[in-house]
Amino acid sequence: DADLALYTHHHDHTHDALGEALPGIAHVHHAGCEHD
């Protein structure tokens, strides 16, 4: 399922001016598989 890249990215973090994610917790949901 991960190989299929079917996921919902809950955007609960911020990015810097270059687009990089700042420290925080990103919640990634895969169909049938969930983890932080």
Full PDB file with SEQRES, HELIX, SHEET, SSBOND, CRYST1, ORIGX, SCALE, CONECT and MASTER records, all heavy atoms in Angstrom:
SEQRES   1 A   36  ASP ALA ASP LEU ALA LEU TYR THR HIS HIS HIS ASP HIS          
SEQRES   2 A   36  THR HIS ASP ALA LEU GLY GLU ALA LEU PRO GLY ILE ALA          
SEQRES   3 A   36  HIS VAL HIS HIS ALA GLY CYS GLU HIS ASP                      
SHEET    1 AA1 3 TYR A   7  HIS A  10  0                                        
SHEET    2 AA1 3 HIS A  27  HIS A  30 -1                                        
SHEET    3 AA1 3 CYS A  33  HIS A  35 -1                                        
CRYST1    1.000    1.000    1.000  90.00  90.00  90.00 P 1           1          
ORIGX1      1.000000  0.000000  0.000000        0.00000                         
ORIGX2      0.000000  1.000000  0.000000        0.00000                         
ORIGX3      0.000000  0.000000  1.000000        0.00000                         
SCALE1      1.000000  0.000000  0.000000        0.00000                         
SCALE2      0.000000  1.000000  0.000000        0.00000                         
SCALE3      0.000000  0.000000  1.000000        0.00000                         
ATOM      1  N   ASP A   1       0.834  -1.203   0.000  1.00  0.00           N  
ATOM      2  CA  ASP A   1       0.000   0.000   0.000  1.00  0.00           C  
ATOM      3  C   ASP A   1       0.867   1.250   0.000  1.00  0.00           C  
ATOM      4  O   ASP A   1       0.569   2.224  -0.658  1.00  0.00           O  
ATOM      5  CB  ASP A   1      -0.913  -0.016   1.223  1.00  0.00           C  
ATOM      6  CG  ASP A   1      -1.963   1.076   1.143  1.00  0.00           C  
ATOM      7  OD1 ASP A   1      -2.720   1.088   0.161  1.00  0.00           O  
ATOM      8  OD2 ASP A   1      -1.989   1.912   2.054  1.00  0.00           O  
ATOM      9  N   ALA A   2       1.983   1.182   0.722  1.00  0.00           N  
ATOM     10  CA  ALA A   2       2.886   2.328   0.742  1.00  0.00           C  
ATOM     11  C   ALA A   2       3.487   2.562  -0.633  1.00  0.00           C  
ATOM     12  O   ALA A   2       3.673   3.689  -1.070  1.00  0.00           O  
ATOM     13  CB  ALA A   2       3.992   2.100   1.775  1.00  0.00           C  
ATOM     14  N   ASP A   3       3.809   1.456  -1.344  1.00  0.00           N  
ATOM     15  CA  ASP A   3       4.364   1.582  -2.681  1.00  0.00           C  
ATOM     16  C   ASP A   3       3.395   2.287  -3.616  1.00  0.00           C  
ATOM     17  O   ASP A   3       3.793   2.931  -4.575  1.00  0.00           O  
ATOM     18  CB  ASP A   3       4.691   0.206  -3.267  1.00  0.00           C  
ATOM     19  CG  ASP A   3       5.902  -0.417  -2.597  1.00  0.00           C  
ATOM     20  OD1 ASP A   3       6.675   0.334  -1.981  1.00  0.00           O  
ATOM     21  OD2 ASP A   3       6.064  -1.645  -2.705  1.00  0.00           O  
ATOM     22  N   LEU A   4       2.097   2.148  -3.359  1.00  0.00           N  
ATOM     23  CA  LEU A   4       1.101   2.779  -4.204  1.00  0.00           C  
ATOM     24  C   LEU A   4       1.001   4.280  -3.956  1.00  0.00           C  
ATOM     25  O   LEU A   4       0.374   4.996  -4.716  1.00  0.00           O  
ATOM     26  CB  LEU A   4      -0.279   2.150  -3.953  1.00  0.00           C  
ATOM     27  CG  LEU A   4      -0.412   0.707  -4.433  1.00  0.00           C  
ATOM     28  CD1 LEU A   4      -1.679   0.101  -3.869  1.00  0.00           C  
ATOM     29  CD2 LEU A   4      -0.455   0.675  -5.942  1.00  0.00           C  
ATOM     30  N   ALA A   5       1.628   4.749  -2.883  1.00  0.00           N  
ATOM     31  CA  ALA A   5       1.616   6.172  -2.530  1.00  0.00           C  
ATOM     32  C   ALA A   5       0.201   6.703  -2.392  1.00  0.00           C  
ATOM     33  O   ALA A   5      -0.089   7.833  -2.719  1.00  0.00           O  
ATOM     34  CB  ALA A   5       2.385   6.994  -3.556  1.00  0.00           C  
ATOM     35  N   LEU A   6      -0.690   5.835  -1.893  1.00  0.00           N  
ATOM     36  CA  LEU A   6      -2.062   6.287  -1.638  1.00  0.00           C  
ATOM     37  C   LEU A   6      -2.134   6.668  -0.170  1.00  0.00           C  
ATOM     38  O   LEU A   6      -2.260   5.823   0.698  1.00  0.00           O  
ATOM     39  CB  LEU A   6      -3.049   5.153  -1.913  1.00  0.00           C  
ATOM     40  CG  LEU A   6      -3.218   4.762  -3.369  1.00  0.00           C  
ATOM     41  CD1 LEU A   6      -4.181   3.603  -3.462  1.00  0.00           C  
ATOM     42  CD2 LEU A   6      -3.734   5.930  -4.178  1.00  0.00           C  
ATOM     43  N   TYR A   7      -2.004   7.934   0.113  1.00  0.00           N  
ATOM     44  CA  TYR A   7      -2.024   8.326   1.510  1.00  0.00           C  
ATOM     45  C   TYR A   7      -2.650   9.699   1.638  1.00  0.00           C  
ATOM     46  O   TYR A   7      -2.714  10.476   0.703  1.00  0.00           O  
ATOM     47  CB  TYR A   7      -0.607   8.315   2.107  1.00  0.00           C  
ATOM     48  CG  TYR A   7       0.342   9.281   1.447  1.00  0.00           C  
ATOM     49  CD1 TYR A   7       0.425  10.600   1.879  1.00  0.00           C  
ATOM     50  CD2 TYR A   7       1.147   8.871   0.374  1.00  0.00           C  
ATOM     51  CE1 TYR A   7       1.294  11.482   1.265  1.00  0.00           C  
ATOM     52  CE2 TYR A   7       2.004   9.745  -0.228  1.00  0.00           C  
ATOM     53  CZ  TYR A   7       2.081  11.045   0.211  1.00  0.00           C  
ATOM     54  OH  TYR A   7       2.931  11.921  -0.399  1.00  0.00           O  
ATOM     55  N   THR A   8      -3.098   9.972   2.849  1.00  0.00           N  
ATOM     56  CA  THR A   8      -3.605  11.298   3.185  1.00  0.00           C  
ATOM     57  C   THR A   8      -2.622  11.940   4.143  1.00  0.00           C  
ATOM     58  O   THR A   8      -2.325  11.387   5.187  1.00  0.00           O  
ATOM     59  CB  THR A   8      -4.983  11.184   3.857  1.00  0.00           C  
ATOM     60  OG1 THR A   8      -5.849  10.497   2.961  1.00  0.00           O  
ATOM     61  CG2 THR A   8      -5.542  12.551   4.159  1.00  0.00           C  
ATOM     62  N   HIS A   9      -2.112  13.085   3.764  1.00  0.00           N  
ATOM     63  CA  HIS A   9      -1.111  13.763   4.572  1.00  0.00           C  
ATOM     64  C   HIS A   9      -1.821  14.868   5.347  1.00  0.00           C  
ATOM     65  O   HIS A   9      -2.202  15.879   4.774  1.00  0.00           O  
ATOM     66  CB  HIS A   9      -0.028  14.328   3.643  1.00  0.00           C  
ATOM     67  CG  HIS A   9       1.124  14.938   4.379  1.00  0.00           C  
ATOM     68  ND1 HIS A   9       2.234  15.410   3.736  1.00  0.00           N  
ATOM     69  CD2 HIS A   9       1.338  15.152   5.697  1.00  0.00           C  
ATOM     70  CE1 HIS A   9       3.082  15.901   4.600  1.00  0.00           C  
ATOM     71  NE2 HIS A   9       2.563  15.756   5.801  1.00  0.00           N  
ATOM     72  N   HIS A  10      -2.007  14.673   6.629  1.00  0.00           N  
ATOM     73  CA  HIS A  10      -2.639  15.688   7.465  1.00  0.00           C  
ATOM     74  C   HIS A  10      -1.595  16.766   7.770  1.00  0.00           C  
ATOM     75  O   HIS A  10      -0.605  16.520   8.443  1.00  0.00           O  
ATOM     76  CB  HIS A  10      -3.155  15.053   8.769  1.00  0.00           C  
ATOM     77  CG  HIS A  10      -4.228  14.045   8.502  1.00  0.00           C  
ATOM     78  ND1 HIS A  10      -5.530  14.386   8.218  1.00  0.00           N  
ATOM     79  CD2 HIS A  10      -4.173  12.701   8.454  1.00  0.00           C  
ATOM     80  CE1 HIS A  10      -6.251  13.290   8.030  1.00  0.00           C  
ATOM     81  NE2 HIS A  10      -5.443  12.256   8.154  1.00  0.00           N  
ATOM     82  N   HIS A  11      -1.823  17.957   7.263  1.00  0.00           N  
ATOM     83  CA  HIS A  11      -0.811  19.000   7.285  1.00  0.00           C  
ATOM     84  C   HIS A  11      -0.810  19.696   8.653  1.00  0.00           C  
ATOM     85  O   HIS A  11      -1.324  20.790   8.809  1.00  0.00           O  
ATOM     86  CB  HIS A  11      -1.131  20.002   6.172  1.00  0.00           C  
ATOM     87  CG  HIS A  11       0.087  20.638   5.603  1.00  0.00           C  
ATOM     88  ND1 HIS A  11       0.331  20.692   4.257  1.00  0.00           N  
ATOM     89  CD2 HIS A  11       1.151  21.225   6.194  1.00  0.00           C  
ATOM     90  CE1 HIS A  11       1.464  21.317   4.026  1.00  0.00           C  
ATOM     91  NE2 HIS A  11       1.988  21.649   5.185  1.00  0.00           N  
ATOM     92  N   ASP A  12      -0.170  19.034   9.635  1.00  0.00           N  
ATOM     93  CA  ASP A  12      -0.149  19.610  10.969  1.00  0.00           C  
ATOM     94  C   ASP A  12       1.241  20.103  11.344  1.00  0.00           C  
ATOM     95  O   ASP A  12       1.634  20.109  12.484  1.00  0.00           O  
ATOM     96  CB  ASP A  12      -0.658  18.593  12.003  1.00  0.00           C  
ATOM     97  CG  ASP A  12       0.100  17.274  11.944  1.00  0.00           C  
ATOM     98  OD1 ASP A  12       1.044  17.176  11.125  1.00  0.00           O  
ATOM     99  OD2 ASP A  12      -0.257  16.371  12.701  1.00  0.00           O  
ATOM    100  N   HIS A  13       2.017  20.494  10.291  1.00  0.00           N  
ATOM    101  CA  HIS A  13       3.303  21.119  10.580  1.00  0.00           C  
ATOM    102  C   HIS A  13       3.469  22.287   9.616  1.00  0.00           C  
ATOM    103  O   HIS A  13       2.668  22.500   8.720  1.00  0.00           O  
ATOM    104  CB  HIS A  13       4.456  20.110  10.404  1.00  0.00           C  
ATOM    105  CG  HIS A  13       4.494  19.481   9.046  1.00  0.00           C  
ATOM    106  ND1 HIS A  13       3.934  18.265   8.775  1.00  0.00           N  
ATOM    107  CD2 HIS A  13       5.007  19.941   7.871  1.00  0.00           C  
ATOM    108  CE1 HIS A  13       4.119  17.968   7.494  1.00  0.00           C  
ATOM    109  NE2 HIS A  13       4.757  18.968   6.921  1.00  0.00           N  
ATOM    110  N   THR A  14       4.533  23.063   9.793  1.00  0.00           N  
ATOM    111  CA  THR A  14       4.770  24.231   8.941  1.00  0.00           C  
ATOM    112  C   THR A  14       6.049  24.037   8.142  1.00  0.00           C  
ATOM    113  O   THR A  14       6.849  23.137   8.428  1.00  0.00           O  
ATOM    114  CB  THR A  14       4.882  25.505   9.792  1.00  0.00           C  
ATOM    115  OG1 THR A  14       5.933  25.329  10.750  1.00  0.00           O  
ATOM    116  CG2 THR A  14       3.577  25.784  10.506  1.00  0.00           C  
ATOM    117  N   HIS A  15       6.251  24.876   7.144  1.00  0.00           N  
ATOM    118  CA  HIS A  15       7.424  24.795   6.286  1.00  0.00           C  
ATOM    119  C   HIS A  15       8.214  26.089   6.376  1.00  0.00           C  
ATOM    120  O   HIS A  15       7.667  27.161   6.613  1.00  0.00           O  
ATOM    121  CB  HIS A  15       6.996  24.569   4.827  1.00  0.00           C  
ATOM    122  CG  HIS A  15       6.303  23.266   4.609  1.00  0.00           C  
ATOM    123  ND1 HIS A  15       6.929  22.149   4.123  1.00  0.00           N  
ATOM    124  CD2 HIS A  15       5.007  22.899   4.835  1.00  0.00           C  
ATOM    125  CE1 HIS A  15       6.071  21.156   4.030  1.00  0.00           C  
ATOM    126  NE2 HIS A  15       4.904  21.585   4.458  1.00  0.00           N  
ATOM    127  N   ASP A  16       9.530  25.975   6.119  1.00  0.00           N  
ATOM    128  CA  ASP A  16      10.336  27.190   6.072  1.00  0.00           C  
ATOM    129  C   ASP A  16      10.272  27.793   4.672  1.00  0.00           C  
ATOM    130  O   ASP A  16       9.544  27.318   3.804  1.00  0.00           O  
ATOM    131  CB  ASP A  16      11.791  26.896   6.490  1.00  0.00           C  
ATOM    132  CG  ASP A  16      12.481  25.907   5.549  1.00  0.00           C  
ATOM    133  OD1 ASP A  16      12.001  25.737   4.407  1.00  0.00           O  
ATOM    134  OD2 ASP A  16      13.507  25.335   5.963  1.00  0.00           O  
ATOM    135  N   ALA A  17      11.075  28.848   4.435  1.00  0.00           N  
ATOM    136  CA  ALA A  17      11.001  29.571   3.164  1.00  0.00           C  
ATOM    137  C   ALA A  17      11.422  28.710   1.981  1.00  0.00           C  
ATOM    138  O   ALA A  17      11.067  28.983   0.839  1.00  0.00           O  
ATOM    139  CB  ALA A  17      11.880  30.822   3.237  1.00  0.00           C  
ATOM    140  N   LEU A  18      12.212  27.659   2.246  1.00  0.00           N  
ATOM    141  CA  LEU A  18      12.657  26.773   1.175  1.00  0.00           C  
ATOM    142  C   LEU A  18      11.725  25.589   0.979  1.00  0.00           C  
ATOM    143  O   LEU A  18      11.982  24.727   0.142  1.00  0.00           O  
ATOM    144  CB  LEU A  18      14.075  26.253   1.487  1.00  0.00           C  
ATOM    145  CG  LEU A  18      15.152  27.327   1.561  1.00  0.00           C  
ATOM    146  CD1 LEU A  18      16.484  26.714   1.957  1.00  0.00           C  
ATOM    147  CD2 LEU A  18      15.284  28.068   0.233  1.00  0.00           C  
ATOM    148  N   GLY A  19      10.650  25.536   1.774  1.00  0.00           N  
ATOM    149  CA  GLY A  19       9.691  24.451   1.624  1.00  0.00           C  
ATOM    150  C   GLY A  19       9.985  23.245   2.488  1.00  0.00           C  
ATOM    151  O   GLY A  19       9.280  22.240   2.419  1.00  0.00           O  
ATOM    152  N   GLU A  20      11.045  23.289   3.299  1.00  0.00           N  
ATOM    153  CA  GLU A  20      11.375  22.168   4.161  1.00  0.00           C  
ATOM    154  C   GLU A  20      10.460  22.156   5.381  1.00  0.00           C  
ATOM    155  O   GLU A  20      10.114  23.210   5.923  1.00  0.00           O  
ATOM    156  CB  GLU A  20      12.840  22.266   4.633  1.00  0.00           C  
ATOM    157  CG  GLU A  20      13.857  22.159   3.511  1.00  0.00           C  
ATOM    158  CD  GLU A  20      13.843  20.802   2.856  1.00  0.00           C  
ATOM    159  OE1 GLU A  20      13.546  19.817   3.573  1.00  0.00           O  
ATOM    160  OE2 GLU A  20      14.114  20.707   1.646  1.00  0.00           O  
ATOM    161  N   ALA A  21      10.073  20.943   5.827  1.00  0.00           N  
ATOM    162  CA  ALA A  21       9.216  20.820   6.993  1.00  0.00           C  
ATOM    163  C   ALA A  21       9.994  21.184   8.251  1.00  0.00           C  
ATOM    164  O   ALA A  21      11.128  20.748   8.449  1.00  0.00           O  
ATOM    165  CB  ALA A  21       8.693  19.395   7.113  1.00  0.00           C  
ATOM    166  N   LEU A  22       9.398  22.023   9.085  1.00  0.00           N  
ATOM    167  CA  LEU A  22      10.007  22.363  10.361  1.00  0.00           C  
ATOM    168  C   LEU A  22       9.736  21.255  11.362  1.00  0.00           C  
ATOM    169  O   LEU A  22       8.795  20.483  11.200  1.00  0.00           O  
ATOM    170  CB  LEU A  22       9.438  23.699  10.861  1.00  0.00           C  
ATOM    171  CG  LEU A  22       9.761  24.909   9.981  1.00  0.00           C  
ATOM    172  CD1 LEU A  22       9.002  26.129  10.481  1.00  0.00           C  
ATOM    173  CD2 LEU A  22      11.263  25.178   9.980  1.00  0.00           C  
ATOM    174  N   PRO A  23      10.570  21.123  12.420  1.00  0.00           N  
ATOM    175  CA  PRO A  23      10.371  20.043  13.395  1.00  0.00           C  
ATOM    176  C   PRO A  23       8.952  20.006  13.927  1.00  0.00           C  
ATOM    177  O   PRO A  23       8.341  21.029  14.202  1.00  0.00           O  
ATOM    178  CB  PRO A  23      11.378  20.381  14.506  1.00  0.00           C  
ATOM    179  CG  PRO A  23      12.442  21.169  13.800  1.00  0.00           C  
ATOM    180  CD  PRO A  23      11.721  21.970  12.753  1.00  0.00           C  
ATOM    181  N   GLY A  24       8.443  18.801  14.065  1.00  0.00           N  
ATOM    182  CA  GLY A  24       7.078  18.591  14.526  1.00  0.00           C  
ATOM    183  C   GLY A  24       6.687  17.174  14.218  1.00  0.00           C  
ATOM    184  O   GLY A  24       7.512  16.375  13.817  1.00  0.00           O  
ATOM    185  N   ILE A  25       5.432  16.866  14.384  1.00  0.00           N  
ATOM    186  CA  ILE A  25       4.956  15.519  14.114  1.00  0.00           C  
ATOM    187  C   ILE A  25       4.045  15.550  12.906  1.00  0.00           C  
ATOM    188  O   ILE A  25       3.106  16.327  12.857  1.00  0.00           O  
ATOM    189  CB  ILE A  25       4.201  14.937  15.321  1.00  0.00           C  
ATOM    190  CG1 ILE A  25       5.160  14.796  16.504  1.00  0.00           C  
ATOM    191  CG2 ILE A  25       3.566  13.605  14.986  1.00  0.00           C  
ATOM    192  CD1 ILE A  25       4.478  14.314  17.761  1.00  0.00           C  
ATOM    193  N   ALA A  26       4.361  14.745  11.931  1.00  0.00           N  
ATOM    194  CA  ALA A  26       3.510  14.638  10.738  1.00  0.00           C  
ATOM    195  C   ALA A  26       2.724  13.350  10.826  1.00  0.00           C  
ATOM    196  O   ALA A  26       3.286  12.293  11.075  1.00  0.00           O  
ATOM    197  CB  ALA A  26       4.371  14.637   9.474  1.00  0.00           C  
ATOM    198  N   HIS A  27       1.429  13.432  10.631  1.00  0.00           N  
ATOM    199  CA  HIS A  27       0.568  12.259  10.686  1.00  0.00           C  
ATOM    200  C   HIS A  27       0.325  11.765   9.274  1.00  0.00           C  
ATOM    201  O   HIS A  27      -0.148  12.503   8.424  1.00  0.00           O  
ATOM    202  CB  HIS A  27      -0.772  12.622  11.330  1.00  0.00           C  
ATOM    203  CG  HIS A  27      -1.708  11.465  11.429  1.00  0.00           C  
ATOM    204  ND1 HIS A  27      -1.548  10.469  12.345  1.00  0.00           N  
ATOM    205  CD2 HIS A  27      -2.812  11.157  10.692  1.00  0.00           C  
ATOM    206  CE1 HIS A  27      -2.526   9.594  12.206  1.00  0.00           C  
ATOM    207  NE2 HIS A  27      -3.304   9.980  11.200  1.00  0.00           N  
ATOM    208  N   VAL A  28       0.721  10.547   9.013  1.00  0.00           N  
ATOM    209  CA  VAL A  28       0.557   9.956   7.677  1.00  0.00           C  
ATOM    210  C   VAL A  28      -0.399   8.784   7.781  1.00  0.00           C  
ATOM    211  O   VAL A  28      -0.225   7.908   8.623  1.00  0.00           O  
ATOM    212  CB  VAL A  28       1.914   9.473   7.122  1.00  0.00           C  
ATOM    213  CG1 VAL A  28       1.717   8.897   5.721  1.00  0.00           C  
ATOM    214  CG2 VAL A  28       2.913  10.617   7.090  1.00  0.00           C  
ATOM    215  N   HIS A  29      -1.411   8.777   6.928  1.00  0.00           N  
ATOM    216  CA  HIS A  29      -2.398   7.704   6.948  1.00  0.00           C  
ATOM    217  C   HIS A  29      -2.339   6.924   5.653  1.00  0.00           C  
ATOM    218  O   HIS A  29      -2.487   7.475   4.578  1.00  0.00           O  
ATOM    219  CB  HIS A  29      -3.802   8.281   7.104  1.00  0.00           C  
ATOM    220  CG  HIS A  29      -4.875   7.241   7.006  1.00  0.00           C  
ATOM    221  ND1 HIS A  29      -5.104   6.322   7.992  1.00  0.00           N  
ATOM    222  CD2 HIS A  29      -5.753   6.965   6.001  1.00  0.00           C  
ATOM    223  CE1 HIS A  29      -6.097   5.538   7.623  1.00  0.00           C  
ATOM    224  NE2 HIS A  29      -6.493   5.888   6.406  1.00  0.00           N  
ATOM    225  N   HIS A  30      -2.053   5.653   5.767  1.00  0.00           N  
ATOM    226  CA  HIS A  30      -2.117   4.757   4.625  1.00  0.00           C  
ATOM    227  C   HIS A  30      -3.387   3.941   4.744  1.00  0.00           C  
ATOM    228  O   HIS A  30      -3.834   3.624   5.843  1.00  0.00           O  
ATOM    229  CB  HIS A  30      -0.913   3.790   4.611  1.00  0.00           C  
ATOM    230  CG  HIS A  30       0.391   4.484   4.354  1.00  0.00           C  
ATOM    231  ND1 HIS A  30       0.844   4.759   3.092  1.00  0.00           N  
ATOM    232  CD2 HIS A  30       1.320   4.971   5.216  1.00  0.00           C  
ATOM    233  CE1 HIS A  30       2.014   5.358   3.170  1.00  0.00           C  
ATOM    234  NE2 HIS A  30       2.320   5.504   4.439  1.00  0.00           N  
ATOM    235  N   ALA A  31      -3.941   3.558   3.589  1.00  0.00           N  
ATOM    236  CA  ALA A  31      -5.143   2.729   3.616  1.00  0.00           C  
ATOM    237  C   ALA A  31      -4.844   1.432   4.348  1.00  0.00           C  
ATOM    238  O   ALA A  31      -4.012   0.655   3.937  1.00  0.00           O  
ATOM    239  CB  ALA A  31      -5.593   2.429   2.185  1.00  0.00           C  
ATOM    240  N   GLY A  32      -5.499   1.230   5.459  1.00  0.00           N  
ATOM    241  CA  GLY A  32      -5.318   0.000   6.220  1.00  0.00           C  
ATOM    242  C   GLY A  32      -4.079   0.005   7.087  1.00  0.00           C  
ATOM    243  O   GLY A  32      -3.714  -1.001   7.650  1.00  0.00           O  
ATOM    244  N   CYS A  33      -3.357   1.136   7.172  1.00  0.00           N  
ATOM    245  CA  CYS A  33      -2.104   1.175   7.922  1.00  0.00           C  
ATOM    246  C   CYS A  33      -1.902   2.592   8.409  1.00  0.00           C  
ATOM    247  O   CYS A  33      -1.833   3.520   7.612  1.00  0.00           O  
ATOM    248  CB  CYS A  33      -0.950   0.762   6.997  1.00  0.00           C  
ATOM    249  SG  CYS A  33       0.649   0.737   7.782  1.00  0.00           S  
ATOM    250  N   GLU A  34      -1.805   2.801   9.690  1.00  0.00           N  
ATOM    251  CA  GLU A  34      -1.752   4.162  10.209  1.00  0.00           C  
ATOM    252  C   GLU A  34      -0.643   4.270  11.233  1.00  0.00           C  
ATOM    253  O   GLU A  34      -0.432   3.400  12.069  1.00  0.00           O  
ATOM    254  CB  GLU A  34      -3.103   4.511  10.842  1.00  0.00           C  
ATOM    255  CG  GLU A  34      -3.203   5.953  11.299  1.00  0.00           C  
ATOM    256  CD  GLU A  34      -4.620   6.293  11.728  1.00  0.00           C  
ATOM    257  OE1 GLU A  34      -5.559   5.781  11.122  1.00  0.00           O  
ATOM    258  OE2 GLU A  34      -4.751   7.050  12.699  1.00  0.00           O  
ATOM    259  N   HIS A  35       0.117   5.360  11.141  1.00  0.00           N  
ATOM    260  CA  HIS A  35       1.167   5.583  12.129  1.00  0.00           C  
ATOM    261  C   HIS A  35       1.534   7.062  12.145  1.00  0.00           C  
ATOM    262  O   HIS A  35       1.278   7.789  11.207  1.00  0.00           O  
ATOM    263  CB  HIS A  35       2.403   4.736  11.820  1.00  0.00           C  
ATOM    264  CG  HIS A  35       2.961   4.972  10.459  1.00  0.00           C  
ATOM    265  ND1 HIS A  35       2.507   4.293   9.351  1.00  0.00           N  
ATOM    266  CD2 HIS A  35       3.910   5.822  10.008  1.00  0.00           C  
ATOM    267  CE1 HIS A  35       3.155   4.688   8.276  1.00  0.00           C  
ATOM    268  NE2 HIS A  35       4.020   5.630   8.648  1.00  0.00           N  
ATOM    269  N   ASP A  36       2.175   7.485  13.232  1.00  0.00           N  
ATOM    270  CA  ASP A  36       2.718   8.830  13.325  1.00  0.00           C  
ATOM    271  C   ASP A  36       4.222   8.745  13.142  1.00  0.00           C  
ATOM    272  O   ASP A  36       4.868   7.790  13.556  1.00  0.00           O  
ATOM    273  CB  ASP A  36       2.419   9.441  14.697  1.00  0.00           C  
ATOM    274  CG  ASP A  36       0.953   9.762  14.844  1.00  0.00           C  
ATOM    275  OD1 ASP A  36       0.310  10.125  13.835  1.00  0.00           O  
ATOM    276  OD2 ASP A  36       0.448   9.627  15.955  1.00  0.00           O  
TER     277      ASP A  36                                                      
MASTER        0    0    0    0    3    0    0    6  276    1    0    3          
END                                                                             
